Amino acid sequence: FGDCDDGDIEDGIPVNQLGNPFPLFSGRGAD
């Protein structure tokens, strides 16, 4: 949600600060 503004909040935090440890384009977990 990097293109969301700071006012888009869920669970008390702007969603643009959330990160995914399993980005599938990296190949991690794909197999």
Full PDB file with SEQRES, HELIX, SHEET, SSBOND, CRYST1, ORIGX, SCALE, CONECT and MASTER records, all heavy atoms in Angstrom:
SEQRES   1 A   31  PHE GLY ASP CYS ASP ASP GLY ASP ILE GLU ASP GLY ILE          
SEQRES   2 A   31  PRO VAL ASN GLN LEU GLY ASN PRO PHE PRO LEU PHE SER          
SEQRES   3 A   31  GLY ARG GLY ALA ASP                                          
HELIX    1 AA1 VAL A   15  GLN A   17  5                                   3    
HELIX    2 AA2 LEU A   24  SER A   26  5                                   3    
CRYST1    1.000    1.000    1.000  90.00  90.00  90.00 P 1           1          
ORIGX1      1.000000  0.000000  0.000000        0.00000                         
ORIGX2      0.000000  1.000000  0.000000        0.00000                         
ORIGX3      0.000000  0.000000  1.000000        0.00000                         
SCALE1      1.000000  0.000000  0.000000        0.00000                         
SCALE2      0.000000  1.000000  0.000000        0.00000                         
SCALE3      0.000000  0.000000  1.000000        0.00000                         
ATOM      1  N   PHE A   1       0.832  -1.194   0.000  1.00  0.00           N  
ATOM      2  CA  PHE A   1       0.000   0.000   0.000  1.00  0.00           C  
ATOM      3  C   PHE A   1       0.871   1.251   0.000  1.00  0.00           C  
ATOM      4  O   PHE A   1       0.518   2.270   0.592  1.00  0.00           O  
ATOM      5  CB  PHE A   1      -0.939  -0.016   1.206  1.00  0.00           C  
ATOM      6  CG  PHE A   1      -1.947  -1.137   1.162  1.00  0.00           C  
ATOM      7  CD1 PHE A   1      -1.792  -2.258   1.963  1.00  0.00           C  
ATOM      8  CD2 PHE A   1      -3.031  -1.076   0.307  1.00  0.00           C  
ATOM      9  CE1 PHE A   1      -2.723  -3.289   1.921  1.00  0.00           C  
ATOM     10  CE2 PHE A   1      -3.958  -2.101   0.253  1.00  0.00           C  
ATOM     11  CZ  PHE A   1      -3.809  -3.219   1.059  1.00  0.00           C  
ATOM     12  N   GLY A   2       1.996   1.178  -0.684  1.00  0.00           N  
ATOM     13  CA  GLY A   2       2.919   2.293  -0.710  1.00  0.00           C  
ATOM     14  C   GLY A   2       2.373   3.538  -1.372  1.00  0.00           C  
ATOM     15  O   GLY A   2       2.875   4.638  -1.145  1.00  0.00           O  
ATOM     16  N   ASP A   3       1.323   3.388  -2.185  1.00  0.00           N  
ATOM     17  CA  ASP A   3       0.746   4.549  -2.861  1.00  0.00           C  
ATOM     18  C   ASP A   3      -0.407   5.163  -2.079  1.00  0.00           C  
ATOM     19  O   ASP A   3      -1.043   6.115  -2.549  1.00  0.00           O  
ATOM     20  CB  ASP A   3       0.280   4.170  -4.265  1.00  0.00           C  
ATOM     21  CG  ASP A   3      -0.753   3.047  -4.268  1.00  0.00           C  
ATOM     22  OD1 ASP A   3      -0.916   2.384  -3.223  1.00  0.00           O  
ATOM     23  OD2 ASP A   3      -1.383   2.828  -5.326  1.00  0.00           O  
ATOM     24  N   CYS A   4      -0.687   4.633  -0.876  1.00  0.00           N  
ATOM     25  CA  CYS A   4      -1.753   5.195  -0.044  1.00  0.00           C  
ATOM     26  C   CYS A   4      -1.196   6.347   0.800  1.00  0.00           C  
ATOM     27  O   CYS A   4      -0.021   6.354   1.169  1.00  0.00           O  
ATOM     28  CB  CYS A   4      -2.338   4.121   0.881  1.00  0.00           C  
ATOM     29  SG  CYS A   4      -3.204   2.798   0.007  1.00  0.00           S  
ATOM     30  N   ASP A   5      -2.060   7.302   1.126  1.00  0.00           N  
ATOM     31  CA  ASP A   5      -1.577   8.424   1.936  1.00  0.00           C  
ATOM     32  C   ASP A   5      -1.577   8.047   3.412  1.00  0.00           C  
ATOM     33  O   ASP A   5      -2.102   7.001   3.815  1.00  0.00           O  
ATOM     34  CB  ASP A   5      -2.402   9.684   1.674  1.00  0.00           C  
ATOM     35  CG  ASP A   5      -3.881   9.534   2.031  1.00  0.00           C  
ATOM     36  OD1 ASP A   5      -4.186   8.951   3.091  1.00  0.00           O  
ATOM     37  OD2 ASP A   5      -4.730  10.005   1.253  1.00  0.00           O  
ATOM     38  N   ASP A   6      -0.980   8.915   4.227  1.00  0.00           N  
ATOM     39  CA  ASP A   6      -0.810   8.612   5.651  1.00  0.00           C  
ATOM     40  C   ASP A   6      -2.129   8.549   6.412  1.00  0.00           C  
ATOM     41  O   ASP A   6      -2.176   8.017   7.526  1.00  0.00           O  
ATOM     42  CB  ASP A   6       0.101   9.660   6.309  1.00  0.00           C  
ATOM     43  CG  ASP A   6       1.539   9.573   5.826  1.00  0.00           C  
ATOM     44  OD1 ASP A   6       1.915   8.508   5.292  1.00  0.00           O  
ATOM     45  OD2 ASP A   6       2.282  10.563   5.973  1.00  0.00           O  
ATOM     46  N   GLY A   7      -3.187   9.073   5.813  1.00  0.00           N  
ATOM     47  CA  GLY A   7      -4.476   9.047   6.486  1.00  0.00           C  
ATOM     48  C   GLY A   7      -5.243   7.757   6.312  1.00  0.00           C  
ATOM     49  O   GLY A   7      -6.285   7.564   6.936  1.00  0.00           O  
ATOM     50  N   ASP A   8      -4.727   6.837   5.487  1.00  0.00           N  
ATOM     51  CA  ASP A   8      -5.379   5.534   5.292  1.00  0.00           C  
ATOM     52  C   ASP A   8      -4.842   4.601   6.365  1.00  0.00           C  
ATOM     53  O   ASP A   8      -3.737   4.062   6.266  1.00  0.00           O  
ATOM     54  CB  ASP A   8      -5.062   5.004   3.897  1.00  0.00           C  
ATOM     55  CG  ASP A   8      -5.916   3.786   3.533  1.00  0.00           C  
ATOM     56  OD1 ASP A   8      -6.515   3.176   4.438  1.00  0.00           O  
ATOM     57  OD2 ASP A   8      -5.968   3.445   2.338  1.00  0.00           O  
ATOM     58  N   ILE A   9      -5.630   4.417   7.421  1.00  0.00           N  
ATOM     59  CA  ILE A   9      -5.154   3.729   8.627  1.00  0.00           C  
ATOM     60  C   ILE A   9      -5.993   2.495   8.922  1.00  0.00           C  
ATOM     61  O   ILE A   9      -7.225   2.521   8.808  1.00  0.00           O  
ATOM     62  CB  ILE A   9      -5.197   4.695   9.835  1.00  0.00           C  
ATOM     63  CG1 ILE A   9      -4.191   5.844   9.617  1.00  0.00           C  
ATOM     64  CG2 ILE A   9      -4.899   3.960  11.138  1.00  0.00           C  
ATOM     65  CD1 ILE A   9      -4.260   6.916  10.668  1.00  0.00           C  
ATOM     66  N   GLU A  10      -5.332   1.417   9.283  1.00  0.00           N  
ATOM     67  CA  GLU A  10      -5.988   0.231   9.828  1.00  0.00           C  
ATOM     68  C   GLU A  10      -5.191  -0.244  11.030  1.00  0.00           C  
ATOM     69  O   GLU A  10      -3.955  -0.262  11.010  1.00  0.00           O  
ATOM     70  CB  GLU A  10      -6.086  -0.885   8.779  1.00  0.00           C  
ATOM     71  CG  GLU A  10      -7.155  -0.634   7.731  1.00  0.00           C  
ATOM     72  CD  GLU A  10      -7.662  -1.918   7.095  1.00  0.00           C  
ATOM     73  OE1 GLU A  10      -7.699  -2.955   7.796  1.00  0.00           O  
ATOM     74  OE2 GLU A  10      -8.023  -1.880   5.907  1.00  0.00           O  
ATOM     75  N   ASP A  11      -5.909  -0.630  12.071  1.00  0.00           N  
ATOM     76  CA  ASP A  11      -5.293  -1.122  13.311  1.00  0.00           C  
ATOM     77  C   ASP A  11      -4.287  -0.111  13.860  1.00  0.00           C  
ATOM     78  O   ASP A  11      -3.221  -0.474  14.362  1.00  0.00           O  
ATOM     79  CB  ASP A  11      -4.623  -2.477  13.066  1.00  0.00           C  
ATOM     80  CG  ASP A  11      -4.307  -3.215  14.371  1.00  0.00           C  
ATOM     81  OD1 ASP A  11      -4.946  -2.906  15.394  1.00  0.00           O  
ATOM     82  OD2 ASP A  11      -3.413  -4.090  14.364  1.00  0.00           O  
ATOM     83  N   GLY A  12      -4.619   1.167  13.726  1.00  0.00           N  
ATOM     84  CA  GLY A  12      -3.820   2.210  14.335  1.00  0.00           C  
ATOM     85  C   GLY A  12      -2.555   2.605  13.616  1.00  0.00           C  
ATOM     86  O   GLY A  12      -1.737   3.352  14.173  1.00  0.00           O  
ATOM     87  N   ILE A  13      -2.362   2.141  12.392  1.00  0.00           N  
ATOM     88  CA  ILE A  13      -1.127   2.456  11.677  1.00  0.00           C  
ATOM     89  C   ILE A  13      -1.432   2.725  10.215  1.00  0.00           C  
ATOM     90  O   ILE A  13      -2.309   2.070   9.619  1.00  0.00           O  
ATOM     91  CB  ILE A  13      -0.099   1.300  11.801  1.00  0.00           C  
ATOM     92  CG1 ILE A  13       1.249   1.695  11.207  1.00  0.00           C  
ATOM     93  CG2 ILE A  13      -0.612   0.035  11.149  1.00  0.00           C  
ATOM     94  CD1 ILE A  13       2.344   0.683  11.497  1.00  0.00           C  
ATOM     95  N   PRO A  14      -0.764   3.719   9.608  1.00  0.00           N  
ATOM     96  CA  PRO A  14      -0.958   3.942   8.165  1.00  0.00           C  
ATOM     97  C   PRO A  14      -0.589   2.681   7.392  1.00  0.00           C  
ATOM     98  O   PRO A  14       0.459   2.071   7.623  1.00  0.00           O  
ATOM     99  CB  PRO A  14       0.000   5.091   7.851  1.00  0.00           C  
ATOM    100  CG  PRO A  14       0.184   5.799   9.153  1.00  0.00           C  
ATOM    101  CD  PRO A  14       0.131   4.728  10.206  1.00  0.00           C  
ATOM    102  N   VAL A  15      -1.432   2.287   6.465  1.00  0.00           N  
ATOM    103  CA  VAL A  15      -1.186   1.040   5.738  1.00  0.00           C  
ATOM    104  C   VAL A  15       0.060   1.126   4.858  1.00  0.00           C  
ATOM    105  O   VAL A  15       0.637   0.101   4.491  1.00  0.00           O  
ATOM    106  CB  VAL A  15      -2.403   0.638   4.885  1.00  0.00           C  
ATOM    107  CG1 VAL A  15      -3.586   0.291   5.773  1.00  0.00           C  
ATOM    108  CG2 VAL A  15      -2.767   1.714   3.878  1.00  0.00           C  
ATOM    109  N   ASN A  16       0.508   2.359   4.538  1.00  0.00           N  
ATOM    110  CA  ASN A  16       1.718   2.472   3.715  1.00  0.00           C  
ATOM    111  C   ASN A  16       2.991   2.132   4.484  1.00  0.00           C  
ATOM    112  O   ASN A  16       4.082   2.108   3.908  1.00  0.00           O  
ATOM    113  CB  ASN A  16       1.825   3.861   3.073  1.00  0.00           C  
ATOM    114  CG  ASN A  16       1.873   4.993   4.089  1.00  0.00           C  
ATOM    115  OD1 ASN A  16       2.190   4.798   5.264  1.00  0.00           O  
ATOM    116  ND2 ASN A  16       1.550   6.199   3.622  1.00  0.00           N  
ATOM    117  N   GLN A  17       2.864   1.862   5.796  1.00  0.00           N  
ATOM    118  CA  GLN A  17       4.016   1.442   6.587  1.00  0.00           C  
ATOM    119  C   GLN A  17       4.097  -0.081   6.759  1.00  0.00           C  
ATOM    120  O   GLN A  17       5.047  -0.587   7.367  1.00  0.00           O  
ATOM    121  CB  GLN A  17       3.980   2.100   7.967  1.00  0.00           C  
ATOM    122  CG  GLN A  17       4.154   3.607   7.945  1.00  0.00           C  
ATOM    123  CD  GLN A  17       4.199   4.200   9.323  1.00  0.00           C  
ATOM    124  OE1 GLN A  17       4.498   3.514  10.311  1.00  0.00           O  
ATOM    125  NE2 GLN A  17       3.910   5.491   9.429  1.00  0.00           N  
ATOM    126  N   LEU A  18       3.119  -0.786   6.246  1.00  0.00           N  
ATOM    127  CA  LEU A  18       3.089  -2.240   6.381  1.00  0.00           C  
ATOM    128  C   LEU A  18       3.925  -2.890   5.285  1.00  0.00           C  
ATOM    129  O   LEU A  18       3.955  -2.429   4.144  1.00  0.00           O  
ATOM    130  CB  LEU A  18       1.646  -2.744   6.299  1.00  0.00           C  
ATOM    131  CG  LEU A  18       0.677  -2.182   7.345  1.00  0.00           C  
ATOM    132  CD1 LEU A  18      -0.743  -2.654   7.061  1.00  0.00           C  
ATOM    133  CD2 LEU A  18       1.097  -2.585   8.751  1.00  0.00           C  
ATOM    134  N   GLY A  19       4.615  -3.978   5.647  1.00  0.00           N  
ATOM    135  CA  GLY A  19       5.454  -4.677   4.680  1.00  0.00           C  
ATOM    136  C   GLY A  19       5.211  -6.170   4.690  1.00  0.00           C  
ATOM    137  O   GLY A  19       4.809  -6.752   5.699  1.00  0.00           O  
ATOM    138  N   ASN A  20       5.462  -6.820   3.551  1.00  0.00           N  
ATOM    139  CA  ASN A  20       5.193  -8.242   3.378  1.00  0.00           C  
ATOM    140  C   ASN A  20       6.502  -9.024   3.329  1.00  0.00           C  
ATOM    141  O   ASN A  20       7.333  -8.787   2.452  1.00  0.00           O  
ATOM    142  CB  ASN A  20       4.421  -8.441   2.070  1.00  0.00           C  
ATOM    143  CG  ASN A  20       3.884  -9.841   1.901  1.00  0.00           C  
ATOM    144  OD1 ASN A  20       4.343 -10.779   2.536  1.00  0.00           O  
ATOM    145  ND2 ASN A  20       2.905  -9.990   1.027  1.00  0.00           N  
ATOM    146  N   PRO A  21       6.718  -9.956   4.251  1.00  0.00           N  
ATOM    147  CA  PRO A  21       7.954 -10.751   4.220  1.00  0.00           C  
ATOM    148  C   PRO A  21       7.944 -11.852   3.162  1.00  0.00           C  
ATOM    149  O   PRO A  21       8.945 -12.536   2.977  1.00  0.00           O  
ATOM    150  CB  PRO A  21       8.008 -11.368   5.622  1.00  0.00           C  
ATOM    151  CG  PRO A  21       6.568 -11.502   6.013  1.00  0.00           C  
ATOM    152  CD  PRO A  21       5.884 -10.301   5.416  1.00  0.00           C  
ATOM    153  N   PHE A  22       6.822 -12.022   2.470  1.00  0.00           N  
ATOM    154  CA  PHE A  22       6.714 -13.076   1.460  1.00  0.00           C  
ATOM    155  C   PHE A  22       6.344 -12.503   0.091  1.00  0.00           C  
ATOM    156  O   PHE A  22       5.320 -12.881  -0.491  1.00  0.00           O  
ATOM    157  CB  PHE A  22       5.671 -14.119   1.879  1.00  0.00           C  
ATOM    158  CG  PHE A  22       5.807 -14.607   3.283  1.00  0.00           C  
ATOM    159  CD1 PHE A  22       4.774 -14.469   4.182  1.00  0.00           C  
ATOM    160  CD2 PHE A  22       6.995 -15.192   3.712  1.00  0.00           C  
ATOM    161  CE1 PHE A  22       4.902 -14.920   5.489  1.00  0.00           C  
ATOM    162  CE2 PHE A  22       7.125 -15.633   5.020  1.00  0.00           C  
ATOM    163  CZ  PHE A  22       6.085 -15.496   5.914  1.00  0.00           C  
ATOM    164  N   PRO A  23       7.154 -11.586  -0.448  1.00  0.00           N  
ATOM    165  CA  PRO A  23       6.846 -11.089  -1.792  1.00  0.00           C  
ATOM    166  C   PRO A  23       7.107 -12.183  -2.820  1.00  0.00           C  
ATOM    167  O   PRO A  23       8.233 -12.624  -3.008  1.00  0.00           O  
ATOM    168  CB  PRO A  23       7.820  -9.912  -1.958  1.00  0.00           C  
ATOM    169  CG  PRO A  23       8.979 -10.262  -1.083  1.00  0.00           C  
ATOM    170  CD  PRO A  23       8.415 -11.037   0.079  1.00  0.00           C  
ATOM    171  N   LEU A  24       6.061 -12.640  -3.474  1.00  0.00           N  
ATOM    172  CA  LEU A  24       6.196 -13.820  -4.332  1.00  0.00           C  
ATOM    173  C   LEU A  24       7.095 -13.574  -5.536  1.00  0.00           C  
ATOM    174  O   LEU A  24       7.649 -14.524  -6.088  1.00  0.00           O  
ATOM    175  CB  LEU A  24       4.821 -14.299  -4.785  1.00  0.00           C  
ATOM    176  CG  LEU A  24       3.911 -14.809  -3.662  1.00  0.00           C  
ATOM    177  CD1 LEU A  24       2.632 -15.368  -4.239  1.00  0.00           C  
ATOM    178  CD2 LEU A  24       4.612 -15.870  -2.838  1.00  0.00           C  
ATOM    179  N   PHE A  25       7.274 -12.292  -5.932  1.00  0.00           N  
ATOM    180  CA  PHE A  25       8.161 -12.058  -7.062  1.00  0.00           C  
ATOM    181  C   PHE A  25       9.603 -12.416  -6.722  1.00  0.00           C  
ATOM    182  O   PHE A  25      10.431 -12.617  -7.601  1.00  0.00           O  
ATOM    183  CB  PHE A  25       8.074 -10.605  -7.539  1.00  0.00           C  
ATOM    184  CG  PHE A  25       8.572  -9.593  -6.545  1.00  0.00           C  
ATOM    185  CD1 PHE A  25       9.930  -9.363  -6.388  1.00  0.00           C  
ATOM    186  CD2 PHE A  25       7.688  -8.864  -5.777  1.00  0.00           C  
ATOM    187  CE1 PHE A  25      10.394  -8.428  -5.472  1.00  0.00           C  
ATOM    188  CE2 PHE A  25       8.136  -7.934  -4.866  1.00  0.00           C  
ATOM    189  CZ  PHE A  25       9.502  -7.713  -4.711  1.00  0.00           C  
ATOM    190  N   SER A  26       9.918 -12.518  -5.431  1.00  0.00           N  
ATOM    191  CA  SER A  26      11.274 -12.897  -5.018  1.00  0.00           C  
ATOM    192  C   SER A  26      11.520 -14.389  -5.212  1.00  0.00           C  
ATOM    193  O   SER A  26      12.662 -14.844  -5.163  1.00  0.00           O  
ATOM    194  CB  SER A  26      11.486 -12.554  -3.545  1.00  0.00           C  
ATOM    195  OG  SER A  26      10.739 -13.430  -2.709  1.00  0.00           O  
ATOM    196  N   GLY A  27      10.439 -15.141  -5.399  1.00  0.00           N  
ATOM    197  CA  GLY A  27      10.558 -16.587  -5.535  1.00  0.00           C  
ATOM    198  C   GLY A  27      10.445 -17.328  -4.217  1.00  0.00           C  
ATOM    199  O   GLY A  27      10.307 -18.548  -4.197  1.00  0.00           O  
ATOM    200  N   ARG A  28      10.499 -16.587  -3.103  1.00  0.00           N  
ATOM    201  CA  ARG A  28      10.415 -17.242  -1.794  1.00  0.00           C  
ATOM    202  C   ARG A  28       9.038 -17.873  -1.595  1.00  0.00           C  
ATOM    203  O   ARG A  28       8.016 -17.208  -1.678  1.00  0.00           O  
ATOM    204  CB  ARG A  28      10.678 -16.230  -0.681  1.00  0.00           C  
ATOM    205  CG  ARG A  28      10.739 -16.847   0.715  1.00  0.00           C  
ATOM    206  CD  ARG A  28      10.824 -15.776   1.785  1.00  0.00           C  
ATOM    207  NE  ARG A  28      11.944 -14.872   1.549  1.00  0.00           N  
ATOM    208  CZ  ARG A  28      12.097 -13.717   2.214  1.00  0.00           C  
ATOM    209  NH1 ARG A  28      11.218 -13.348   3.114  1.00  0.00           N  
ATOM    210  NH2 ARG A  28      13.137 -12.944   1.962  1.00  0.00           N  
ATOM    211  N   GLY A  29       9.002 -19.167  -1.363  1.00  0.00           N  
ATOM    212  CA  GLY A  29       7.747 -19.865  -1.135  1.00  0.00           C  
ATOM    213  C   GLY A  29       7.036 -20.302  -2.399  1.00  0.00           C  
ATOM    214  O   GLY A  29       6.037 -21.023  -2.321  1.00  0.00           O  
ATOM    215  N   ALA A  30       7.532 -19.885  -3.562  1.00  0.00           N  
ATOM    216  CA  ALA A  30       6.816 -20.176  -4.810  1.00  0.00           C  
ATOM    217  C   ALA A  30       6.740 -21.675  -5.084  1.00  0.00           C  
ATOM    218  O   ALA A  30       5.693 -22.190  -5.492  1.00  0.00           O  
ATOM    219  CB  ALA A  30       7.474 -19.452  -5.977  1.00  0.00           C  
ATOM    220  N   ASP A  31       7.838 -22.394  -4.865  1.00  0.00           N  
ATOM    221  CA  ASP A  31       7.833 -23.830  -5.137  1.00  0.00           C  
ATOM    222  C   ASP A  31       6.850 -24.561  -4.223  1.00  0.00           C  
ATOM    223  O   ASP A  31       6.111 -25.449  -4.663  1.00  0.00           O  
ATOM    224  CB  ASP A  31       9.240 -24.415  -4.967  1.00  0.00           C  
ATOM    225  CG  ASP A  31      10.186 -23.977  -6.069  1.00  0.00           C  
ATOM    226  OD1 ASP A  31       9.698 -23.551  -7.138  1.00  0.00           O  
ATOM    227  OD2 ASP A  31      11.414 -24.059  -5.871  1.00  0.00           O  
TER     228      ASP A  31                                                      
MASTER        0    0    0    2    0    0    0    6  227    1    0    3          
END                                                                             
